[in-house]
C-alpha cells in the first residue's frame, strides 16, 4: 500500500507537448480543472434555475468534475470525457466562466411577461441563390409502423401514407 502511494506519482506518464501551437502543457491540469469546474458550478447559481442555459452548464460541468475527481491520470480523463486534451478543457472552462458573467450581465431570461414582439410577415419570393430547405417525405416504413401501432389500440384511427402525402 505504502509503495503504491509513492510509486504511482513517479510512474505516471508525463505529457511533453499538446501538439497544438500556442497551447502549453499544464502539469497540474486535473487540479486546475477541478478548481474551474467548482467555480463554474458556484457562479452558474446566479442564473435562474429553470433556464436551459443553467441546466446545460450544470449538467456537463458536474459530469466533467466527477470524472476529474475519480481519475488521477490526465490521459484517462481525456479518454473518459472524449472532449479533447485537458489543456483544451481548461481553455473551455475559462471561456465558460467568462460567458456566465456575460450572460448574467445581458440577462436574456429577463424578458417581461407582457413584452410583445412585432412579427413582420413577408411574402416576397426567396431569391434563387438562397437554398430553401424542405424536409423530404417520410418513408413508407414509418406509416406501416404507425398503422400497426394504431391498429393495436382501438381508440386511435390508423393513418395511411396517402393521407399524409396529400397534406404535404
N, C-alpha and C. Protein backbone atom coordinates (compact mmCIF):
# COMPACT_ATOMS: atom_id res chain seq x y z
N UNK A 1 0.83 -1.20 0.00
CA UNK A 1 0.00 0.00 0.00
C UNK A 1 0.87 1.25 0.00
N UNK A 2 1.85 1.29 0.90
CA UNK A 2 2.74 2.45 1.00
C UNK A 2 3.53 2.63 -0.28
N UNK A 3 4.05 1.52 -0.82
CA UNK A 3 4.84 1.57 -2.04
C UNK A 3 3.99 2.08 -3.21
N UNK A 4 2.74 1.65 -3.29
CA UNK A 4 1.84 2.09 -4.36
C UNK A 4 1.60 3.59 -4.28
N UNK A 5 1.44 4.11 -3.08
CA UNK A 5 1.18 5.54 -2.90
C UNK A 5 2.38 6.39 -3.33
N UNK A 6 3.57 5.88 -3.13
CA UNK A 6 4.77 6.63 -3.50
C UNK A 6 5.13 6.41 -4.97
N UNK A 7 5.04 5.18 -5.43
CA UNK A 7 5.48 4.86 -6.79
C UNK A 7 4.53 5.36 -7.86
N UNK A 8 3.24 5.44 -7.56
CA UNK A 8 2.26 5.85 -8.57
C UNK A 8 2.58 7.22 -9.18
N UNK A 9 2.81 8.27 -8.38
CA UNK A 9 3.13 9.56 -9.00
C UNK A 9 4.44 9.54 -9.78
N UNK A 10 5.40 8.72 -9.34
CA UNK A 10 6.68 8.66 -10.03
C UNK A 10 6.58 7.94 -11.36
N UNK A 11 5.64 6.99 -11.46
CA UNK A 11 5.49 6.20 -12.68
C UNK A 11 4.47 6.80 -13.65
N UNK A 12 3.82 7.88 -13.25
CA UNK A 12 2.80 8.49 -14.10
C UNK A 12 3.41 9.01 -15.40
N UNK A 13 2.62 8.93 -16.47
CA UNK A 13 3.08 9.44 -17.76
C UNK A 13 3.22 10.96 -17.69
N UNK A 14 4.26 11.47 -18.30
CA UNK A 14 4.48 12.91 -18.35
C UNK A 14 4.15 13.39 -19.75
N UNK A 15 3.31 14.38 -19.83
CA UNK A 15 2.92 14.94 -21.12
C UNK A 15 3.98 15.97 -21.53
N UNK A 16 4.56 15.79 -22.70
CA UNK A 16 5.62 16.68 -23.15
C UNK A 16 5.10 17.84 -23.99
N UNK A 17 4.06 17.59 -24.79
CA UNK A 17 3.51 18.63 -25.64
C UNK A 17 2.04 18.34 -25.93
N UNK A 18 1.30 19.40 -26.23
CA UNK A 18 -0.10 19.23 -26.61
C UNK A 18 -0.21 18.97 -28.10
N UNK A 19 0.81 19.37 -28.83
CA UNK A 19 0.75 19.26 -30.28
C UNK A 19 -0.06 20.37 -30.92
N UNK A 20 -0.48 21.34 -30.10
CA UNK A 20 -1.26 22.47 -30.59
C UNK A 20 -0.44 23.74 -30.37
N UNK A 21 -0.20 24.47 -31.44
CA UNK A 21 0.60 25.68 -31.36
C UNK A 21 -0.05 26.68 -30.41
N UNK A 22 0.73 27.19 -29.47
CA UNK A 22 0.25 28.19 -28.53
C UNK A 22 -0.46 27.63 -27.31
N UNK A 23 -0.61 26.31 -27.24
CA UNK A 23 -1.27 25.69 -26.09
C UNK A 23 -0.24 24.85 -25.34
N UNK A 24 0.24 25.41 -24.24
CA UNK A 24 1.27 24.74 -23.45
C UNK A 24 0.70 23.65 -22.56
N UNK A 25 1.54 22.71 -22.19
CA UNK A 25 1.17 21.63 -21.28
C UNK A 25 0.94 22.22 -19.90
N UNK A 26 -0.11 21.78 -19.25
CA UNK A 26 -0.40 22.19 -17.87
C UNK A 26 -0.12 20.97 -17.01
N UNK A 27 0.98 21.00 -16.22
CA UNK A 27 1.36 19.82 -15.46
C UNK A 27 0.34 19.41 -14.39
N UNK A 28 -0.37 20.36 -13.82
CA UNK A 28 -1.37 20.06 -12.79
C UNK A 28 -2.79 20.28 -13.33
N UNK A 29 -3.02 19.82 -14.55
CA UNK A 29 -4.29 20.07 -15.26
C UNK A 29 -5.50 19.56 -14.48
N UNK A 30 -5.37 18.42 -13.84
CA UNK A 30 -6.50 17.86 -13.10
C UNK A 30 -6.94 18.81 -11.99
N UNK A 31 -6.01 19.31 -11.23
CA UNK A 31 -6.33 20.23 -10.13
C UNK A 31 -6.91 21.54 -10.66
N UNK A 32 -6.36 22.02 -11.77
CA UNK A 32 -6.87 23.25 -12.38
C UNK A 32 -8.32 23.05 -12.84
N UNK A 33 -8.58 21.91 -13.48
CA UNK A 33 -9.94 21.62 -13.95
C UNK A 33 -10.92 21.50 -12.78
N UNK A 34 -10.53 20.82 -11.73
CA UNK A 34 -11.41 20.68 -10.56
C UNK A 34 -11.74 22.06 -10.00
N UNK A 35 -10.74 22.94 -9.92
CA UNK A 35 -10.98 24.30 -9.43
C UNK A 35 -11.91 25.09 -10.34
N UNK A 36 -11.67 25.01 -11.64
CA UNK A 36 -12.51 25.74 -12.60
C UNK A 36 -13.94 25.22 -12.61
N UNK A 37 -14.11 23.90 -12.58
CA UNK A 37 -15.46 23.33 -12.59
C UNK A 37 -16.22 23.66 -11.31
N UNK A 38 -15.51 23.67 -10.18
CA UNK A 38 -16.15 24.04 -8.91
C UNK A 38 -16.59 25.50 -8.95
N UNK A 39 -15.74 26.35 -9.47
CA UNK A 39 -16.08 27.78 -9.58
C UNK A 39 -17.25 27.98 -10.55
N UNK A 40 -17.27 27.24 -11.64
CA UNK A 40 -18.37 27.33 -12.61
C UNK A 40 -19.69 26.97 -11.95
N UNK A 41 -19.69 25.89 -11.17
CA UNK A 41 -20.93 25.48 -10.50
C UNK A 41 -21.41 26.51 -9.48
N UNK A 42 -20.47 27.23 -8.87
CA UNK A 42 -20.87 28.29 -7.93
C UNK A 42 -21.45 29.49 -8.69
N UNK A 43 -20.79 29.90 -9.76
CA UNK A 43 -21.20 31.10 -10.48
C UNK A 43 -22.51 30.91 -11.26
N UNK A 44 -22.78 29.70 -11.72
CA UNK A 44 -24.00 29.46 -12.50
C UNK A 44 -25.24 29.55 -11.61
N UNK A 45 -25.05 29.55 -10.30
CA UNK A 45 -26.18 29.67 -9.37
C UNK A 45 -26.89 31.01 -9.52
N UNK A 46 -26.22 32.01 -10.10
CA UNK A 46 -26.83 33.33 -10.29
C UNK A 46 -27.85 33.33 -11.44
N UNK A 47 -27.82 32.30 -12.26
CA UNK A 47 -28.76 32.18 -13.38
C UNK A 47 -30.03 31.49 -12.84
N UNK A 48 -31.21 31.95 -13.26
CA UNK A 48 -32.45 31.32 -12.78
C UNK A 48 -32.45 29.80 -13.00
N UNK A 49 -33.01 29.07 -12.02
CA UNK A 49 -32.99 27.61 -12.01
C UNK A 49 -33.64 26.96 -13.22
N UNK A 50 -34.69 27.55 -13.74
CA UNK A 50 -35.44 26.91 -14.82
C UNK A 50 -34.91 27.24 -16.22
N UNK A 51 -33.84 27.98 -16.31
CA UNK A 51 -33.28 28.34 -17.62
C UNK A 51 -32.47 27.19 -18.21
N UNK A 52 -32.65 26.96 -19.49
CA UNK A 52 -31.95 25.89 -20.20
C UNK A 52 -30.44 26.03 -20.15
N UNK A 53 -29.96 27.27 -20.23
CA UNK A 53 -28.51 27.50 -20.19
C UNK A 53 -27.93 26.98 -18.88
N UNK A 54 -28.58 27.31 -17.78
CA UNK A 54 -28.08 26.84 -16.47
C UNK A 54 -28.12 25.32 -16.39
N UNK A 55 -29.22 24.73 -16.83
CA UNK A 55 -29.34 23.27 -16.77
C UNK A 55 -28.24 22.58 -17.57
N UNK A 56 -27.97 23.11 -18.77
CA UNK A 56 -26.94 22.51 -19.63
C UNK A 56 -25.55 22.65 -19.00
N UNK A 57 -25.23 23.86 -18.52
CA UNK A 57 -23.91 24.10 -17.94
C UNK A 57 -23.72 23.24 -16.70
N UNK A 58 -24.72 23.19 -15.83
CA UNK A 58 -24.61 22.37 -14.62
C UNK A 58 -24.43 20.90 -14.97
N UNK A 59 -25.16 20.43 -15.96
CA UNK A 59 -25.11 19.01 -16.33
C UNK A 59 -23.72 18.61 -16.81
N UNK A 60 -23.19 19.31 -17.81
CA UNK A 60 -21.89 18.87 -18.33
C UNK A 60 -20.76 19.19 -17.37
N UNK A 61 -20.89 20.25 -16.58
CA UNK A 61 -19.84 20.59 -15.63
C UNK A 61 -19.79 19.57 -14.50
N UNK A 62 -20.94 19.16 -13.99
CA UNK A 62 -20.96 18.13 -12.94
C UNK A 62 -20.34 16.83 -13.44
N UNK A 63 -20.68 16.47 -14.67
CA UNK A 63 -20.13 15.23 -15.25
C UNK A 63 -18.61 15.33 -15.35
N UNK A 64 -18.12 16.43 -15.88
CA UNK A 64 -16.67 16.59 -16.05
C UNK A 64 -15.96 16.66 -14.70
N UNK A 65 -16.56 17.34 -13.73
CA UNK A 65 -15.97 17.42 -12.40
C UNK A 65 -15.89 16.03 -11.77
N UNK A 66 -16.93 15.25 -11.93
CA UNK A 66 -16.95 13.89 -11.37
C UNK A 66 -15.83 13.05 -11.97
N UNK A 67 -15.66 13.13 -13.28
CA UNK A 67 -14.59 12.37 -13.94
C UNK A 67 -13.23 12.82 -13.43
N UNK A 68 -13.03 14.12 -13.29
CA UNK A 68 -11.74 14.63 -12.80
C UNK A 68 -11.47 14.20 -11.36
N UNK A 69 -12.50 14.11 -10.55
CA UNK A 69 -12.34 13.68 -9.17
C UNK A 69 -12.08 12.17 -9.07
N UNK A 70 -12.65 11.40 -9.98
CA UNK A 70 -12.48 9.95 -9.95
C UNK A 70 -11.15 9.49 -10.52
N UNK A 71 -10.62 10.21 -11.49
CA UNK A 71 -9.40 9.79 -12.18
C UNK A 71 -8.21 10.64 -11.75
N UNK A 72 -7.05 10.01 -11.70
CA UNK A 72 -5.82 10.71 -11.33
C UNK A 72 -5.02 11.12 -12.56
N UNK A 73 -5.07 10.30 -13.59
CA UNK A 73 -4.21 10.45 -14.76
C UNK A 73 -4.87 11.32 -15.83
N UNK A 74 -4.13 12.26 -16.38
CA UNK A 74 -4.65 13.16 -17.41
C UNK A 74 -5.12 12.40 -18.65
N UNK A 75 -4.41 11.34 -18.99
CA UNK A 75 -4.75 10.56 -20.17
C UNK A 75 -6.11 9.88 -20.01
N UNK A 76 -6.36 9.35 -18.84
CA UNK A 76 -7.64 8.69 -18.56
C UNK A 76 -8.78 9.71 -18.57
N UNK A 77 -8.52 10.90 -18.03
CA UNK A 77 -9.53 11.97 -18.03
C UNK A 77 -9.90 12.32 -19.47
N UNK A 78 -8.88 12.50 -20.31
CA UNK A 78 -9.13 12.83 -21.71
C UNK A 78 -9.95 11.74 -22.41
N UNK A 79 -9.61 10.49 -22.15
CA UNK A 79 -10.33 9.38 -22.80
C UNK A 79 -11.76 9.28 -22.31
N UNK A 80 -11.98 9.42 -21.01
CA UNK A 80 -13.34 9.29 -20.48
C UNK A 80 -14.25 10.43 -20.92
N UNK A 81 -13.70 11.63 -20.98
CA UNK A 81 -14.53 12.77 -21.39
C UNK A 81 -14.71 12.83 -22.90
N UNK A 82 -13.68 12.47 -23.64
CA UNK A 82 -13.78 12.48 -25.10
C UNK A 82 -14.04 13.85 -25.68
N UNK A 83 -13.51 14.88 -25.04
CA UNK A 83 -13.76 16.26 -25.49
C UNK A 83 -12.45 17.00 -25.77
N UNK A 84 -11.40 16.29 -26.06
CA UNK A 84 -10.13 16.93 -26.34
C UNK A 84 -9.14 16.74 -25.20
N UNK A 85 -8.04 17.47 -25.31
CA UNK A 85 -6.99 17.38 -24.31
C UNK A 85 -7.37 18.19 -23.07
N UNK A 86 -6.74 17.85 -21.94
CA UNK A 86 -7.07 18.55 -20.70
C UNK A 86 -6.77 20.04 -20.81
N UNK A 87 -5.76 20.39 -21.57
CA UNK A 87 -5.43 21.81 -21.76
C UNK A 87 -6.55 22.53 -22.52
N UNK A 88 -7.14 21.85 -23.48
CA UNK A 88 -8.28 22.41 -24.21
C UNK A 88 -9.49 22.54 -23.28
N UNK A 89 -9.67 21.56 -22.41
CA UNK A 89 -10.77 21.61 -21.44
C UNK A 89 -10.60 22.79 -20.49
N UNK A 90 -9.36 23.08 -20.12
CA UNK A 90 -9.08 24.23 -19.25
C UNK A 90 -9.49 25.52 -19.96
N UNK A 91 -9.09 25.65 -21.22
CA UNK A 91 -9.47 26.84 -22.00
C UNK A 91 -10.99 26.96 -22.10
N UNK A 92 -11.64 25.84 -22.34
CA UNK A 92 -13.09 25.82 -22.48
C UNK A 92 -13.76 26.22 -21.16
N UNK A 93 -13.24 25.71 -20.05
CA UNK A 93 -13.82 26.04 -18.74
C UNK A 93 -13.64 27.53 -18.42
N UNK A 94 -12.49 28.08 -18.78
CA UNK A 94 -12.27 29.52 -18.56
C UNK A 94 -13.22 30.35 -19.42
N UNK A 95 -13.40 29.92 -20.66
CA UNK A 95 -14.33 30.61 -21.55
C UNK A 95 -15.76 30.54 -21.02
N UNK A 96 -16.14 29.40 -20.47
CA UNK A 96 -17.49 29.24 -19.92
C UNK A 96 -17.69 30.18 -18.74
N UNK A 97 -16.68 30.32 -17.90
CA UNK A 97 -16.78 31.25 -16.77
C UNK A 97 -16.96 32.68 -17.26
N UNK A 98 -16.25 33.05 -18.31
CA UNK A 98 -16.42 34.38 -18.90
C UNK A 98 -17.84 34.54 -19.45
N UNK A 99 -18.32 33.51 -20.13
CA UNK A 99 -19.66 33.57 -20.70
C UNK A 99 -20.73 33.66 -19.62
N UNK A 100 -20.56 32.96 -18.53
CA UNK A 100 -21.53 33.05 -17.43
C UNK A 100 -21.65 34.49 -16.95
N UNK A 101 -20.51 35.16 -16.80
CA UNK A 101 -20.52 36.56 -16.39
C UNK A 101 -21.26 37.43 -17.39
N UNK A 102 -21.01 37.20 -18.67
CA UNK A 102 -21.70 37.96 -19.72
C UNK A 102 -23.20 37.68 -19.73
N UNK A 103 -23.57 36.41 -19.58
CA UNK A 103 -25.00 36.06 -19.59
C UNK A 103 -25.72 36.71 -18.41
N UNK A 104 -25.07 36.75 -17.26
CA UNK A 104 -25.68 37.40 -16.10
C UNK A 104 -25.84 38.90 -16.39
N UNK A 105 -24.83 39.49 -17.02
CA UNK A 105 -24.89 40.92 -17.37
C UNK A 105 -25.99 41.18 -18.42
N UNK A 106 -26.07 40.34 -19.44
CA UNK A 106 -27.05 40.55 -20.52
C UNK A 106 -28.48 40.22 -20.09
N UNK A 107 -28.63 39.28 -19.17
CA UNK A 107 -29.94 38.90 -18.63
C UNK A 107 -30.94 38.54 -19.73
N UNK A 108 -30.62 37.57 -20.61
CA UNK A 108 -31.54 37.24 -21.71
C UNK A 108 -32.84 36.60 -21.24
N UNK A 109 -32.90 36.09 -20.03
CA UNK A 109 -34.11 35.46 -19.50
C UNK A 109 -35.00 36.47 -18.80
N UNK A 110 -34.56 37.73 -18.73
CA UNK A 110 -35.32 38.75 -18.02
C UNK A 110 -36.35 39.46 -18.88
N UNK A 111 -36.93 38.80 -19.86
CA UNK A 111 -37.94 39.41 -20.72
C UNK A 111 -39.26 39.48 -19.94
N UNK A 112 -39.86 40.67 -19.84
CA UNK A 112 -41.13 40.78 -19.10
C UNK A 112 -42.24 39.96 -19.74
N UNK A 113 -43.17 39.47 -18.93
CA UNK A 113 -44.27 38.64 -19.42
C UNK A 113 -45.16 39.39 -20.42
N UNK A 114 -45.28 40.71 -20.24
CA UNK A 114 -46.17 41.48 -21.10
C UNK A 114 -45.47 42.01 -22.36
N UNK A 115 -44.21 41.61 -22.58
CA UNK A 115 -43.47 42.07 -23.75
C UNK A 115 -44.05 41.44 -25.01
N UNK A 116 -44.31 42.28 -26.01
CA UNK A 116 -44.81 41.77 -27.28
C UNK A 116 -43.80 42.07 -28.38
N UNK A 117 -43.57 41.08 -29.17
CA UNK A 117 -42.63 41.20 -30.28
C UNK A 117 -43.43 41.40 -31.56
N UNK A 118 -43.03 42.39 -32.34
CA UNK A 118 -43.73 42.66 -33.59
C UNK A 118 -43.30 41.62 -34.63
N UNK A 119 -44.27 40.96 -35.23
CA UNK A 119 -43.99 39.96 -36.25
C UNK A 119 -44.28 40.59 -37.60
N UNK A 120 -43.28 40.59 -38.45
CA UNK A 120 -43.43 41.16 -39.79
C UNK A 120 -43.47 40.01 -40.77
N UNK A 121 -44.59 39.86 -41.45
CA UNK A 121 -44.71 38.80 -42.44
C UNK A 121 -44.30 39.34 -43.79
N UNK A 122 -43.52 38.57 -44.48
CA UNK A 122 -43.00 38.98 -45.77
C UNK A 122 -43.29 37.86 -46.76
N UNK A 123 -44.11 38.14 -47.74
CA UNK A 123 -44.46 37.13 -48.74
C UNK A 123 -43.59 37.21 -49.99
N UNK A 124 -42.50 37.97 -49.90
CA UNK A 124 -41.62 38.09 -51.05
C UNK A 124 -41.00 36.72 -51.36
N UNK A 125 -40.80 36.43 -52.65
CA UNK A 125 -40.21 35.13 -53.01
C UNK A 125 -38.75 35.05 -52.52
N UNK A 126 -38.35 33.84 -52.23
CA UNK A 126 -36.98 33.61 -51.77
C UNK A 126 -36.07 33.66 -52.99
N UNK A 127 -34.99 34.45 -52.94
CA UNK A 127 -34.07 34.52 -54.09
C UNK A 127 -33.50 33.14 -54.40
N UNK A 128 -33.18 32.92 -55.69
CA UNK A 128 -32.72 31.61 -56.15
C UNK A 128 -31.38 31.21 -55.53
N UNK A 129 -30.54 32.19 -55.17
CA UNK A 129 -29.23 31.85 -54.63
C UNK A 129 -29.28 31.42 -53.15
N UNK A 130 -30.45 31.56 -52.52
CA UNK A 130 -30.61 31.14 -51.13
C UNK A 130 -31.29 29.78 -51.11
N UNK A 131 -30.63 28.79 -50.50
CA UNK A 131 -31.24 27.45 -50.50
C UNK A 131 -32.52 27.43 -49.66
N UNK A 132 -33.51 26.74 -50.16
CA UNK A 132 -34.78 26.61 -49.46
C UNK A 132 -34.91 25.14 -49.07
N UNK A 133 -34.85 24.88 -47.79
CA UNK A 133 -34.84 23.51 -47.31
C UNK A 133 -36.25 23.04 -46.95
N UNK A 134 -36.66 22.01 -47.62
CA UNK A 134 -37.92 21.35 -47.29
C UNK A 134 -37.59 19.93 -46.86
N UNK A 135 -38.19 19.48 -45.77
CA UNK A 135 -37.89 18.11 -45.36
C UNK A 135 -38.45 17.12 -46.38
N UNK A 136 -37.72 16.03 -46.62
CA UNK A 136 -38.21 15.03 -47.57
C UNK A 136 -39.42 14.30 -46.98
N UNK A 137 -40.23 13.67 -47.81
CA UNK A 137 -41.38 12.92 -47.29
C UNK A 137 -40.91 11.76 -46.41
N UNK A 138 -41.73 11.40 -45.46
CA UNK A 138 -41.40 10.29 -44.57
C UNK A 138 -41.44 8.97 -45.33
N UNK A 139 -40.57 8.02 -44.98
CA UNK A 139 -40.56 6.73 -45.70
C UNK A 139 -41.82 5.92 -45.40
N UNK A 140 -42.15 5.01 -46.31
CA UNK A 140 -43.33 4.15 -46.18
C UNK A 140 -43.29 3.35 -44.88
N UNK A 141 -42.08 2.93 -44.46
CA UNK A 141 -41.93 2.13 -43.24
C UNK A 141 -42.52 2.85 -42.04
N UNK A 142 -42.37 4.16 -42.01
CA UNK A 142 -42.92 4.95 -40.90
C UNK A 142 -44.43 4.77 -40.82
N UNK A 143 -45.10 4.87 -41.96
CA UNK A 143 -46.56 4.77 -41.96
C UNK A 143 -47.03 3.35 -41.65
N UNK A 144 -46.25 2.34 -42.11
CA UNK A 144 -46.60 0.96 -41.79
C UNK A 144 -46.49 0.72 -40.29
N UNK A 145 -45.43 1.22 -39.69
CA UNK A 145 -45.24 1.08 -38.25
C UNK A 145 -46.33 1.82 -37.50
N UNK A 146 -46.63 3.02 -37.94
CA UNK A 146 -47.65 3.82 -37.29
C UNK A 146 -49.02 3.13 -37.40
N UNK A 147 -49.30 2.55 -38.55
CA UNK A 147 -50.55 1.84 -38.75
C UNK A 147 -50.64 0.61 -37.85
N UNK A 148 -49.52 -0.10 -37.72
CA UNK A 148 -49.50 -1.30 -36.87
C UNK A 148 -49.72 -0.92 -35.41
N UNK A 149 -49.10 0.15 -34.98
CA UNK A 149 -49.26 0.61 -33.60
C UNK A 149 -50.68 1.12 -33.39
N UNK A 150 -51.20 1.84 -34.35
CA UNK A 150 -52.55 2.39 -34.25
C UNK A 150 -53.60 1.30 -34.22
N UNK A 151 -53.40 0.26 -35.01
CA UNK A 151 -54.40 -0.80 -35.07
C UNK A 151 -54.46 -1.59 -33.76
N UNK A 152 -53.37 -1.60 -33.00
CA UNK A 152 -53.35 -2.29 -31.72
C UNK A 152 -54.22 -1.57 -30.70
N UNK A 153 -54.20 -0.25 -30.75
CA UNK A 153 -55.07 0.50 -29.85
C UNK A 153 -56.34 0.85 -30.61
N UNK A 154 -57.45 0.45 -30.14
CA UNK A 154 -58.71 0.61 -30.86
C UNK A 154 -59.21 2.04 -30.84
N UNK A 155 -58.67 2.86 -29.96
CA UNK A 155 -59.14 4.24 -29.84
C UNK A 155 -58.65 5.11 -30.99
N UNK A 156 -57.45 4.85 -31.48
CA UNK A 156 -56.83 5.71 -32.48
C UNK A 156 -57.06 5.17 -33.88
N UNK A 157 -57.56 5.99 -34.81
CA UNK A 157 -57.71 5.52 -36.19
C UNK A 157 -56.36 5.39 -36.87
N UNK A 158 -56.24 4.46 -37.78
CA UNK A 158 -54.99 4.23 -38.49
C UNK A 158 -54.75 5.34 -39.50
N UNK A 159 -53.47 5.69 -39.70
CA UNK A 159 -53.09 6.71 -40.67
C UNK A 159 -52.40 6.01 -41.82
N UNK A 160 -52.78 6.32 -43.02
CA UNK A 160 -52.13 5.70 -44.17
C UNK A 160 -51.21 6.70 -44.84
N UNK A 161 -50.33 6.19 -45.68
CA UNK A 161 -49.37 7.06 -46.35
C UNK A 161 -50.08 8.01 -47.31
N UNK A 162 -51.20 7.63 -47.88
CA UNK A 162 -51.90 8.50 -48.80
C UNK A 162 -52.47 9.70 -48.08
N UNK A 163 -52.90 9.52 -46.80
CA UNK A 163 -53.41 10.65 -46.02
C UNK A 163 -52.32 11.69 -45.77
N UNK A 164 -51.12 11.20 -45.43
CA UNK A 164 -50.06 12.12 -45.07
C UNK A 164 -49.47 12.83 -46.28
N UNK A 165 -49.38 12.14 -47.41
CA UNK A 165 -48.78 12.78 -48.58
C UNK A 165 -49.71 13.83 -49.17
N UNK A 166 -51.00 13.68 -48.97
CA UNK A 166 -51.93 14.68 -49.51
C UNK A 166 -51.87 15.98 -48.71
N UNK A 167 -51.43 15.88 -47.44
CA UNK A 167 -51.31 17.09 -46.61
C UNK A 167 -50.02 17.83 -46.86
N UNK A 168 -49.01 17.16 -47.39
CA UNK A 168 -47.70 17.78 -47.55
C UNK A 168 -47.64 18.76 -48.66
